[in-house]
Amino acid sequence: MTSPVKTVQFQRRQTYKELRSYLGGDLDPNSVTAALAAAYVDERLLKSPDSPSTRRRKLSALGAFWEWMALRCYTPKGMNPWKGFRLGKNESERTKPKKRPYTMPELVALFSGNPTYPALREVMVLGLYTGARIDEICSLAQGDIRFEGGIAYMQIVKSKTNAGARTLAIAHLIPLAVLKKRHRRNGPATAQLFHELKGGGYDKKLSWHVGQAFRYHRNGRGLTGATDFHSLRRTLITRLESLGIDQVHIARYVGHSLPTLAFQVYSGGATEATQAATGRAIGYPHEVEKAVASFIKQ
């Protein structure tokens, strides 16, 4: 799991590097006047290809840096040239659709076509039937998988939250076949389950290139805007709710934190038996199952 602190540090370094490039090198921070800051915002920040939220984050980082320098007497207190700007949301951001689960017809469309990126089909299938996040799936190691009594137990070690660390029980035949195909009993426990995946992005996540390939495939199926890979997780949760699965069992299965003190402090967590019961309940309508089965066999 990538530390949020490291992510913020990287983003801020990039922001300072971009400002330094605009200024032509190192300058005394006191030479960055309000007029110079305004020119940077108008000429560089607002004209960048960044999203409005990224522009606001960068402006906030610059303001915070100047506040830090003022506290250490590098610049006069109260003289922050990055304060007072308003970078509002543009029309596309205001109308951006809220992310949601896939509908059943959309799943049929998504699990069709012929994506060629290595392991993408298998990662998609595991996302649909386990609700695991894309990085949780791509980070799986051989030692994270074991089989017992016709069920695969998949240990999620790398997750974005503490509640996300869990062991999933997978009983459905389609994802079970994916794991059996990928698992190497005699291989090193630390070896990647999806050996062909390579890290990408600034934090070298194994999911980086897979995520790009998924978006390309999704767009090609005409499913843009309101759905993404995480929508597979939303879809599973919605499906389990419609099947009448207890909310606590759903939360344990997908790795959501439970809000009450009893669950946070006194509960020992989900047992493999309860996870197996949830795993056995997972299934989709016939047309979806048929599409997924055909998709994974191509």
C-alpha atoms as a PDB file:
ATOM      1  CA  MET A   1       0.000   0.000   0.000  1.00  0.00           C
ATOM      2  CA  THR A   2       1.368   3.413  -0.960  1.00  0.00           C
ATOM      3  CA  SER A   3       1.589   5.791   2.002  1.00  0.00           C
ATOM      4  CA  PRO A   4      -0.735   8.819   1.668  1.00  0.00           C
ATOM      5  CA  VAL A   5       2.088  10.915   3.114  1.00  0.00           C
ATOM      6  CA  LYS A   6       4.473   9.794   0.368  1.00  0.00           C
ATOM      7  CA  THR A   7       1.845  10.553  -2.260  1.00  0.00           C
ATOM      8  CA  VAL A   8       1.357  14.095  -0.944  1.00  0.00           C
ATOM      9  CA  GLN A   9       5.111  14.627  -0.726  1.00  0.00           C
ATOM     10  CA  PHE A  10       5.566  13.549  -4.334  1.00  0.00           C
ATOM     11  CA  GLN A  11       2.724  15.768  -5.530  1.00  0.00           C
ATOM     12  CA  ARG A  12       4.130  18.785  -3.726  1.00  0.00           C
ATOM     13  CA  ARG A  13       7.634  18.231  -5.064  1.00  0.00           C
ATOM     14  CA  GLN A  14       6.170  18.145  -8.569  1.00  0.00           C
ATOM     15  CA  THR A  15       4.290  21.395  -7.885  1.00  0.00           C
ATOM     16  CA  TYR A  16       7.432  23.163  -6.664  1.00  0.00           C
ATOM     17  CA  LYS A  17       9.400  21.802  -9.624  1.00  0.00           C
ATOM     18  CA  GLU A  18       6.851  23.231 -12.070  1.00  0.00           C
ATOM     19  CA  LEU A  19       7.017  26.652 -10.417  1.00  0.00           C
ATOM     20  CA  ARG A  20      10.814  26.601 -10.456  1.00  0.00           C
ATOM     21  CA  SER A  21      10.741  25.762 -14.176  1.00  0.00           C
ATOM     22  CA  TYR A  22       8.394  28.703 -14.831  1.00  0.00           C
ATOM     23  CA  LEU A  23      10.663  31.055 -12.855  1.00  0.00           C
ATOM     24  CA  GLY A  24      13.741  29.857 -14.740  1.00  0.00           C
ATOM     25  CA  GLY A  25      15.581  28.505 -11.712  1.00  0.00           C
ATOM     26  CA  ASP A  26      16.026  29.212  -8.024  1.00  0.00           C
ATOM     27  CA  LEU A  27      14.900  32.604  -6.771  1.00  0.00           C
ATOM     28  CA  ASP A  28      14.683  34.267  -3.385  1.00  0.00           C
ATOM     29  CA  PRO A  29      11.113  33.501  -2.212  1.00  0.00           C
ATOM     30  CA  ASN A  30      10.648  37.203  -1.411  1.00  0.00           C
ATOM     31  CA  SER A  31      11.017  37.974  -5.116  1.00  0.00           C
ATOM     32  CA  VAL A  32       7.802  36.052  -5.843  1.00  0.00           C
ATOM     33  CA  THR A  33       5.388  38.948  -5.713  1.00  0.00           C
ATOM     34  CA  ALA A  34       1.616  38.910  -5.915  1.00  0.00           C
ATOM     35  CA  ALA A  35       1.878  40.051  -9.537  1.00  0.00           C
ATOM     36  CA  LEU A  36       4.286  37.226 -10.384  1.00  0.00           C
ATOM     37  CA  ALA A  37       2.034  34.691  -8.655  1.00  0.00           C
ATOM     38  CA  ALA A  38      -0.962  36.006 -10.607  1.00  0.00           C
ATOM     39  CA  ALA A  39       0.967  35.696 -13.875  1.00  0.00           C
ATOM     40  CA  TYR A  40       1.888  32.097 -13.004  1.00  0.00           C
ATOM     41  CA  VAL A  41      -1.736  31.243 -12.232  1.00  0.00           C
ATOM     42  CA  ASP A  42      -2.997  32.856 -15.459  1.00  0.00           C
ATOM     43  CA  GLU A  43      -0.250  31.751 -17.832  1.00  0.00           C
ATOM     44  CA  ARG A  44       0.665  28.324 -16.519  1.00  0.00           C
ATOM     45  CA  LEU A  45      -1.754  26.897 -13.985  1.00  0.00           C
ATOM     46  CA  LEU A  46      -5.021  27.762 -15.728  1.00  0.00           C
ATOM     47  CA  LYS A  47      -3.691  26.770 -19.132  1.00  0.00           C
ATOM     48  CA  SER A  48      -2.319  23.410 -17.994  1.00  0.00           C
ATOM     49  CA  PRO A  49      -4.036  20.143 -19.008  1.00  0.00           C
ATOM     50  CA  ASP A  50      -4.619  19.369 -15.329  1.00  0.00           C
ATOM     51  CA  SER A  51      -8.103  18.883 -13.979  1.00  0.00           C
ATOM     52  CA  PRO A  52      -9.599  21.776 -11.963  1.00  0.00           C
ATOM     53  CA  SER A  53      -9.176  19.785  -8.738  1.00  0.00           C
ATOM     54  CA  THR A  54      -5.480  19.217  -9.508  1.00  0.00           C
ATOM     55  CA  ARG A  55      -4.988  22.933 -10.199  1.00  0.00           C
ATOM     56  CA  ARG A  56      -6.581  23.780  -6.859  1.00  0.00           C
ATOM     57  CA  ARG A  57      -4.395  21.227  -5.104  1.00  0.00           C
ATOM     58  CA  LYS A  58      -1.253  22.749  -6.634  1.00  0.00           C
ATOM     59  CA  LEU A  59      -2.287  26.272  -5.672  1.00  0.00           C
ATOM     60  CA  SER A  60      -2.998  25.088  -2.139  1.00  0.00           C
ATOM     61  CA  ALA A  61       0.436  23.431  -1.967  1.00  0.00           C
ATOM     62  CA  LEU A  62       2.159  26.665  -2.973  1.00  0.00           C
ATOM     63  CA  GLY A  63       0.196  28.630  -0.394  1.00  0.00           C
ATOM     64  CA  ALA A  64       1.057  26.104   2.314  1.00  0.00           C
ATOM     65  CA  PHE A  65       4.749  26.255   1.389  1.00  0.00           C
ATOM     66  CA  TRP A  66       4.814  30.034   1.739  1.00  0.00           C
ATOM     67  CA  GLU A  67       3.027  29.763   5.103  1.00  0.00           C
ATOM     68  CA  TRP A  68       5.704  27.323   6.245  1.00  0.00           C
ATOM     69  CA  MET A  69       8.487  29.715   5.140  1.00  0.00           C
ATOM     70  CA  ALA A  70       6.798  32.592   6.997  1.00  0.00           C
ATOM     71  CA  LEU A  71       6.701  30.554  10.207  1.00  0.00           C
ATOM     72  CA  ARG A  72      10.458  30.067   9.889  1.00  0.00           C
ATOM     73  CA  CYS A  73      11.056  33.726   9.052  1.00  0.00           C
ATOM     74  CA  TYR A  74      12.205  33.079   5.481  1.00  0.00           C
ATOM     75  CA  THR A  75       9.432  35.389   4.273  1.00  0.00           C
ATOM     76  CA  PRO A  76       7.449  38.124   6.064  1.00  0.00           C
ATOM     77  CA  LYS A  77       4.383  36.908   7.931  1.00  0.00           C
ATOM     78  CA  GLY A  78       1.127  37.794   6.220  1.00  0.00           C
ATOM     79  CA  MET A  79       2.816  38.167   2.821  1.00  0.00           C
ATOM     80  CA  ASN A  80       1.602  35.109   0.940  1.00  0.00           C
ATOM     81  CA  PRO A  81       1.334  35.769  -2.823  1.00  0.00           C
ATOM     82  CA  TRP A  82      -0.687  32.557  -3.383  1.00  0.00           C
ATOM     83  CA  LYS A  83      -3.670  33.582  -1.274  1.00  0.00           C
ATOM     84  CA  GLY A  84      -6.884  35.033  -2.662  1.00  0.00           C
ATOM     85  CA  PHE A  85      -7.138  33.127  -5.934  1.00  0.00           C
ATOM     86  CA  ARG A  86     -10.392  31.346  -6.746  1.00  0.00           C
ATOM     87  CA  LEU A  87     -10.136  28.431  -9.118  1.00  0.00           C
ATOM     88  CA  GLY A  88     -13.767  27.415  -9.420  1.00  0.00           C
ATOM     89  CA  LYS A  89     -15.110  24.256 -10.957  1.00  0.00           C
ATOM     90  CA  ASN A  90     -15.550  24.358 -14.707  1.00  0.00           C
ATOM     91  CA  GLU A  91     -18.744  23.226 -16.399  1.00  0.00           C
ATOM     92  CA  SER A  92     -17.431  19.730 -17.179  1.00  0.00           C
ATOM     93  CA  GLU A  93     -16.484  19.187 -13.557  1.00  0.00           C
ATOM     94  CA  ARG A  94     -19.857  20.423 -12.265  1.00  0.00           C
ATOM     95  CA  THR A  95     -21.702  18.071 -14.585  1.00  0.00           C
ATOM     96  CA  LYS A  96     -19.401  15.091 -14.073  1.00  0.00           C
ATOM     97  CA  PRO A  97     -21.629  12.085 -13.336  1.00  0.00           C
ATOM     98  CA  LYS A  98     -21.430  10.434  -9.953  1.00  0.00           C
ATOM     99  CA  LYS A  99     -19.784   7.019 -10.027  1.00  0.00           C
ATOM    100  CA  ARG A 100     -22.228   4.125  -9.709  1.00  0.00           C
ATOM    101  CA  PRO A 101     -22.520   0.330 -10.089  1.00  0.00           C
ATOM    102  CA  TYR A 102     -22.901  -1.292 -13.505  1.00  0.00           C
ATOM    103  CA  THR A 103     -26.332  -2.370 -14.629  1.00  0.00           C
ATOM    104  CA  MET A 104     -26.680  -5.983 -15.749  1.00  0.00           C
ATOM    105  CA  PRO A 105     -26.860  -5.029 -19.470  1.00  0.00           C
ATOM    106  CA  GLU A 106     -23.722  -2.913 -18.979  1.00  0.00           C
ATOM    107  CA  LEU A 107     -21.917  -5.911 -17.491  1.00  0.00           C
ATOM    108  CA  VAL A 108     -22.813  -7.932 -20.573  1.00  0.00           C
ATOM    109  CA  ALA A 109     -21.336  -5.162 -22.741  1.00  0.00           C
ATOM    110  CA  LEU A 110     -18.252  -4.782 -20.539  1.00  0.00           C
ATOM    111  CA  PHE A 111     -17.466  -8.502 -20.562  1.00  0.00           C
ATOM    112  CA  SER A 112     -17.314  -8.670 -24.335  1.00  0.00           C
ATOM    113  CA  GLY A 113     -14.848  -7.668 -26.986  1.00  0.00           C
ATOM    114  CA  ASN A 114     -11.254  -8.772 -27.189  1.00  0.00           C
ATOM    115  CA  PRO A 115      -8.895  -6.895 -24.833  1.00  0.00           C
ATOM    116  CA  THR A 116      -5.319  -8.029 -25.327  1.00  0.00           C
ATOM    117  CA  TYR A 117      -3.555  -6.505 -22.333  1.00  0.00           C
ATOM    118  CA  PRO A 118      -1.985  -9.301 -20.226  1.00  0.00           C
ATOM    119  CA  ALA A 119      -4.110 -10.478 -17.297  1.00  0.00           C
ATOM    120  CA  LEU A 120      -6.787  -7.803 -17.844  1.00  0.00           C
ATOM    121  CA  ARG A 121      -9.586 -10.328 -18.373  1.00  0.00           C
ATOM    122  CA  GLU A 122      -8.673 -12.243 -15.222  1.00  0.00           C
ATOM    123  CA  VAL A 123      -8.350  -9.092 -13.117  1.00  0.00           C
ATOM    124  CA  MET A 124     -11.771  -7.955 -14.332  1.00  0.00           C
ATOM    125  CA  VAL A 125     -13.333 -11.301 -13.428  1.00  0.00           C
ATOM    126  CA  LEU A 126     -11.850 -11.228  -9.932  1.00  0.00           C
ATOM    127  CA  GLY A 127     -13.062  -7.655  -9.531  1.00  0.00           C
ATOM    128  CA  LEU A 128     -16.615  -8.657 -10.435  1.00  0.00           C
ATOM    129  CA  TYR A 129     -16.810 -11.706  -8.174  1.00  0.00           C
ATOM    130  CA  THR A 130     -14.761 -10.526  -5.180  1.00  0.00           C
ATOM    131  CA  GLY A 131     -15.285  -6.762  -5.079  1.00  0.00           C
ATOM    132  CA  ALA A 132     -11.561  -6.363  -4.485  1.00  0.00           C
ATOM    133  CA  ARG A 133      -9.907  -3.129  -5.552  1.00  0.00           C
ATOM    134  CA  ILE A 134      -7.754  -3.212  -8.665  1.00  0.00           C
ATOM    135  CA  ASP A 135      -4.503  -2.727  -6.744  1.00  0.00           C
ATOM    136  CA  GLU A 136      -5.483  -5.436  -4.249  1.00  0.00           C
ATOM    137  CA  ILE A 137      -5.931  -7.894  -7.122  1.00  0.00           C
ATOM    138  CA  CYS A 138      -2.824  -6.943  -9.094  1.00  0.00           C
ATOM    139  CA  SER A 139      -0.661  -7.101  -5.946  1.00  0.00           C
ATOM    140  CA  LEU A 140      -1.586 -10.709  -5.131  1.00  0.00           C
ATOM    141  CA  ALA A 141       1.283 -13.118  -4.557  1.00  0.00           C
ATOM    142  CA  GLN A 142       1.272 -16.900  -4.941  1.00  0.00           C
ATOM    143  CA  GLY A 143       1.351 -17.295  -1.156  1.00  0.00           C
ATOM    144  CA  ASP A 144      -1.840 -15.259  -0.828  1.00  0.00           C
ATOM    145  CA  ILE A 145      -3.892 -18.078  -2.386  1.00  0.00           C
ATOM    146  CA  ARG A 146      -4.803 -21.429  -0.870  1.00  0.00           C
ATOM    147  CA  PHE A 147      -7.462 -24.015  -1.670  1.00  0.00           C
ATOM    148  CA  GLU A 148      -9.518 -25.957   0.820  1.00  0.00           C
ATOM    149  CA  GLY A 149     -12.749 -27.895   0.447  1.00  0.00           C
ATOM    150  CA  GLY A 150     -13.490 -26.620  -3.041  1.00  0.00           C
ATOM    151  CA  ILE A 151     -13.029 -22.972  -2.002  1.00  0.00           C
ATOM    152  CA  ALA A 152     -10.170 -20.612  -2.755  1.00  0.00           C
ATOM    153  CA  TYR A 153      -9.082 -18.394   0.118  1.00  0.00           C
ATOM    154  CA  MET A 154      -7.529 -15.175  -1.153  1.00  0.00           C
ATOM    155  CA  GLN A 155      -5.626 -13.104   1.374  1.00  0.00           C
ATOM    156  CA  ILE A 156      -5.629  -9.361   0.729  1.00  0.00           C
ATOM    157  CA  VAL A 157      -2.457  -7.961   2.242  1.00  0.00           C
ATOM    158  CA  LYS A 158      -1.970  -4.695   0.357  1.00  0.00           C
ATOM    159  CA  SER A 159      -5.027  -2.498   0.805  1.00  0.00           C
ATOM    160  CA  LYS A 160      -5.692   1.230   1.086  1.00  0.00           C
ATOM    161  CA  THR A 161      -7.300   0.814   4.533  1.00  0.00           C
ATOM    162  CA  ASN A 162      -6.731  -1.301   7.639  1.00  0.00           C
ATOM    163  CA  ALA A 163     -10.192  -2.836   7.206  1.00  0.00           C
ATOM    164  CA  GLY A 164      -9.201  -3.850   3.681  1.00  0.00           C
ATOM    165  CA  ALA A 165      -6.742  -6.452   4.974  1.00  0.00           C
ATOM    166  CA  ARG A 166      -8.881  -9.572   4.875  1.00  0.00           C
ATOM    167  CA  THR A 167      -9.221 -13.126   3.601  1.00  0.00           C
ATOM    168  CA  LEU A 168     -11.847 -13.685   0.916  1.00  0.00           C
ATOM    169  CA  ALA A 169     -13.523 -17.017   0.303  1.00  0.00           C
ATOM    170  CA  ILE A 170     -14.221 -17.639  -3.383  1.00  0.00           C
ATOM    171  CA  ALA A 171     -16.642 -20.400  -4.301  1.00  0.00           C
ATOM    172  CA  HIS A 172     -17.991 -19.330  -7.696  1.00  0.00           C
ATOM    173  CA  LEU A 173     -16.638 -21.563 -10.459  1.00  0.00           C
ATOM    174  CA  ILE A 174     -15.522 -18.759 -12.818  1.00  0.00           C
ATOM    175  CA  PRO A 175     -13.163 -16.853 -10.468  1.00  0.00           C
ATOM    176  CA  LEU A 176     -12.189 -20.174  -8.868  1.00  0.00           C
ATOM    177  CA  ALA A 177     -10.964 -21.380 -12.274  1.00  0.00           C
ATOM    178  CA  VAL A 178      -8.942 -18.171 -12.719  1.00  0.00           C
ATOM    179  CA  LEU A 179      -7.155 -18.688  -9.426  1.00  0.00           C
ATOM    180  CA  LYS A 180      -6.505 -22.390 -10.059  1.00  0.00           C
ATOM    181  CA  LYS A 181      -5.008 -21.561 -13.435  1.00  0.00           C
ATOM    182  CA  ARG A 182      -2.730 -18.900 -11.963  1.00  0.00           C
ATOM    183  CA  HIS A 183      -1.691 -20.650  -8.768  1.00  0.00           C
ATOM    184  CA  ARG A 184       1.660 -22.461  -8.660  1.00  0.00           C
ATOM    185  CA  ARG A 185       1.830 -24.808  -5.680  1.00  0.00           C
ATOM    186  CA  ASN A 186       5.564 -25.299  -5.893  1.00  0.00           C
ATOM    187  CA  GLY A 187       6.497 -21.739  -6.781  1.00  0.00           C
ATOM    188  CA  PRO A 188       7.905 -19.074  -4.433  1.00  0.00           C
ATOM    189  CA  ALA A 189       5.241 -17.716  -2.103  1.00  0.00           C
ATOM    190  CA  THR A 190       6.353 -14.147  -2.818  1.00  0.00           C
ATOM    191  CA  ALA A 191       6.087 -14.483  -6.620  1.00  0.00           C
ATOM    192  CA  GLN A 192       3.408 -12.371  -8.304  1.00  0.00           C
ATOM    193  CA  LEU A 193       0.178 -14.181  -9.091  1.00  0.00           C
ATOM    194  CA  PHE A 194       0.049 -12.199 -12.339  1.00  0.00           C
ATOM    195  CA  HIS A 195       3.716 -12.479 -13.206  1.00  0.00           C
ATOM    196  CA  GLU A 196       3.514 -10.425 -16.394  1.00  0.00           C
ATOM    197  CA  LEU A 197       2.428  -7.215 -14.701  1.00  0.00           C
ATOM    198  CA  LYS A 198       4.978  -4.413 -14.433  1.00  0.00           C
ATOM    199  CA  GLY A 199       4.840  -1.416 -12.117  1.00  0.00           C
ATOM    200  CA  GLY A 200       3.918   1.975 -13.504  1.00  0.00           C
ATOM    201  CA  GLY A 201       3.287   5.544 -12.396  1.00  0.00           C
ATOM    202  CA  TYR A 202       5.315   7.429  -9.816  1.00  0.00           C
ATOM    203  CA  ASP A 203       4.625   4.804  -7.129  1.00  0.00           C
ATOM    204  CA  LYS A 204       5.245   1.811  -9.454  1.00  0.00           C
ATOM    205  CA  LYS A 205       1.916   0.150  -8.722  1.00  0.00           C
ATOM    206  CA  LEU A 206       1.310  -3.127 -10.539  1.00  0.00           C
ATOM    207  CA  SER A 207      -2.226  -1.934 -11.251  1.00  0.00           C
ATOM    208  CA  TRP A 208      -1.192   1.231 -13.097  1.00  0.00           C
ATOM    209  CA  HIS A 209      -0.967  -0.151 -16.639  1.00  0.00           C
ATOM    210  CA  VAL A 210      -3.893  -2.522 -16.032  1.00  0.00           C
ATOM    211  CA  GLY A 211      -6.046   0.422 -15.002  1.00  0.00           C
ATOM    212  CA  GLN A 212      -5.185   2.256 -18.207  1.00  0.00           C
ATOM    213  CA  ALA A 213      -5.953  -0.841 -20.282  1.00  0.00           C
ATOM    214  CA  PHE A 214      -9.279  -1.264 -18.487  1.00  0.00           C
ATOM    215  CA  ARG A 215     -10.304   2.325 -19.227  1.00  0.00           C
ATOM    216  CA  TYR A 216      -9.417   1.855 -22.889  1.00  0.00           C
ATOM    217  CA  HIS A 217     -11.491  -1.343 -23.028  1.00  0.00           C
ATOM    218  CA  ARG A 218     -14.409   0.204 -21.146  1.00  0.00           C
ATOM    219  CA  ASN A 219     -14.452   3.229 -23.451  1.00  0.00           C
ATOM    220  CA  GLY A 220     -14.424   0.908 -26.455  1.00  0.00           C
ATOM    221  CA  ARG A 221     -17.567  -0.788 -25.138  1.00  0.00           C
ATOM    222  CA  GLY A 222     -19.327   2.574 -24.908  1.00  0.00           C
ATOM    223  CA  LEU A 223     -19.273   2.678 -21.091  1.00  0.00           C
ATOM    224  CA  THR A 224     -17.751   6.014 -20.128  1.00  0.00           C
ATOM    225  CA  GLY A 225     -18.293   8.591 -17.431  1.00  0.00           C
ATOM    226  CA  ALA A 226     -20.251   7.092 -14.559  1.00  0.00           C
ATOM    227  CA  THR A 227     -18.530   3.686 -14.386  1.00  0.00           C
ATOM    228  CA  ASP A 228     -14.943   2.588 -13.779  1.00  0.00           C
ATOM    229  CA  PHE A 229     -13.101  -0.437 -12.369  1.00  0.00           C
ATOM    230  CA  HIS A 230     -14.238   0.456  -8.867  1.00  0.00           C
ATOM    231  CA  SER A 231     -17.804   0.174 -10.166  1.00  0.00           C
ATOM    232  CA  LEU A 232     -17.280  -3.602 -10.204  1.00  0.00           C
ATOM    233  CA  ARG A 233     -16.885  -3.338  -6.435  1.00  0.00           C
ATOM    234  CA  ARG A 234     -20.018  -1.190  -6.216  1.00  0.00           C
ATOM    235  CA  THR A 235     -21.833  -3.752  -8.353  1.00  0.00           C
ATOM    236  CA  LEU A 236     -20.930  -6.676  -6.093  1.00  0.00           C
ATOM    237  CA  ILE A 237     -22.026  -4.783  -2.984  1.00  0.00           C
ATOM    238  CA  THR A 238     -25.340  -3.891  -4.632  1.00  0.00           C
ATOM    239  CA  ARG A 239     -25.791  -7.485  -5.766  1.00  0.00           C
ATOM    240  CA  LEU A 240     -25.156  -8.872  -2.276  1.00  0.00           C
ATOM    241  CA  GLU A 241     -27.638  -6.386  -0.831  1.00  0.00           C
ATOM    242  CA  SER A 242     -30.269  -7.482  -3.333  1.00  0.00           C
ATOM    243  CA  LEU A 243     -29.626 -11.108  -2.365  1.00  0.00           C
ATOM    244  CA  GLY A 244     -30.397 -10.261   1.254  1.00  0.00           C
ATOM    245  CA  ILE A 245     -26.886 -10.742   2.653  1.00  0.00           C
ATOM    246  CA  ASP A 246     -26.356  -9.217   6.092  1.00  0.00           C
ATOM    247  CA  GLN A 247     -24.732  -5.757   5.956  1.00  0.00           C
ATOM    248  CA  VAL A 248     -22.019  -6.763   8.418  1.00  0.00           C
ATOM    249  CA  HIS A 249     -21.100  -9.794   6.323  1.00  0.00           C
ATOM    250  CA  ILE A 250     -20.956  -7.611   3.198  1.00  0.00           C
ATOM    251  CA  ALA A 251     -18.683  -5.114   4.951  1.00  0.00           C
ATOM    252  CA  ARG A 252     -16.397  -7.914   6.151  1.00  0.00           C
ATOM    253  CA  TYR A 253     -16.216  -9.394   2.666  1.00  0.00           C
ATOM    254  CA  VAL A 254     -15.370  -6.208   0.778  1.00  0.00           C
ATOM    255  CA  GLY A 255     -13.166  -4.731   3.497  1.00  0.00           C
ATOM    256  CA  HIS A 256     -15.280  -1.822   4.729  1.00  0.00           C
ATOM    257  CA  SER A 257     -14.751  -0.567   8.264  1.00  0.00           C
ATOM    258  CA  LEU A 258     -17.595  -1.059  10.727  1.00  0.00           C
ATOM    259  CA  PRO A 259     -18.483   2.089  12.681  1.00  0.00           C
ATOM    260  CA  THR A 260     -19.444   0.870  16.150  1.00  0.00           C
ATOM    261  CA  LEU A 261     -17.053   0.471  19.063  1.00  0.00           C
ATOM    262  CA  ALA A 262     -18.106  -3.150  19.479  1.00  0.00           C
ATOM    263  CA  PHE A 263     -16.984  -4.022  15.972  1.00  0.00           C
ATOM    264  CA  GLN A 264     -13.815  -1.904  16.061  1.00  0.00           C
ATOM    265  CA  VAL A 265     -12.504  -2.987  19.458  1.00  0.00           C
ATOM    266  CA  TYR A 266     -14.181  -6.172  20.619  1.00  0.00           C
ATOM    267  CA  SER A 267     -14.932  -8.062  17.415  1.00  0.00           C
ATOM    268  CA  GLY A 268     -12.397 -10.609  16.252  1.00  0.00           C
ATOM    269  CA  GLY A 269     -13.352  -9.997  12.644  1.00  0.00           C
ATOM    270  CA  ALA A 270     -14.866 -12.239  10.036  1.00  0.00           C
ATOM    271  CA  THR A 271     -14.322 -15.970  10.254  1.00  0.00           C
ATOM    272  CA  GLU A 272     -13.559 -18.056   7.193  1.00  0.00           C
ATOM    273  CA  ALA A 273     -16.921 -19.757   7.679  1.00  0.00           C
ATOM    274  CA  THR A 274     -18.830 -16.478   7.387  1.00  0.00           C
ATOM    275  CA  GLN A 275     -16.684 -15.394   4.457  1.00  0.00           C
ATOM    276  CA  ALA A 276     -17.364 -18.733   2.756  1.00  0.00           C
ATOM    277  CA  ALA A 277     -21.112 -18.304   3.267  1.00  0.00           C
ATOM    278  CA  THR A 278     -20.935 -14.894   1.615  1.00  0.00           C
ATOM    279  CA  GLY A 279     -18.750 -16.239  -1.182  1.00  0.00           C
ATOM    280  CA  ARG A 280     -21.222 -19.034  -1.952  1.00  0.00           C
ATOM    281  CA  ALA A 281     -24.031 -16.498  -2.327  1.00  0.00           C
ATOM    282  CA  ILE A 282     -22.304 -14.514  -5.069  1.00  0.00           C
ATOM    283  CA  GLY A 283     -23.783 -14.887  -8.512  1.00  0.00           C
ATOM    284  CA  TYR A 284     -25.303 -12.871 -11.340  1.00  0.00           C
ATOM    285  CA  PRO A 285     -28.221 -13.298 -13.775  1.00  0.00           C
ATOM    286  CA  HIS A 286     -27.805 -15.889 -16.506  1.00  0.00           C
ATOM    287  CA  GLU A 287     -26.998 -13.403 -19.278  1.00  0.00           C
ATOM    288  CA  VAL A 288     -24.143 -11.912 -17.228  1.00  0.00           C
ATOM    289  CA  GLU A 289     -22.737 -15.302 -16.232  1.00  0.00           C
ATOM    290  CA  LYS A 290     -22.845 -16.407 -19.862  1.00  0.00           C
ATOM    291  CA  ALA A 291     -21.041 -13.261 -21.053  1.00  0.00           C
ATOM    292  CA  VAL A 292     -18.323 -13.553 -18.380  1.00  0.00           C
ATOM    293  CA  ALA A 293     -17.760 -17.253 -19.061  1.00  0.00           C
ATOM    294  CA  SER A 294     -17.316 -16.561 -22.782  1.00  0.00           C
ATOM    295  CA  PHE A 295     -15.124 -13.527 -22.113  1.00  0.00           C
ATOM    296  CA  ILE A 296     -12.631 -15.375 -19.916  1.00  0.00           C
ATOM    297  CA  LYS A 297     -12.340 -18.354 -22.298  1.00  0.00           C
ATOM    298  CA  GLN A 298     -11.299 -16.305 -25.351  1.00  0.00           C
END
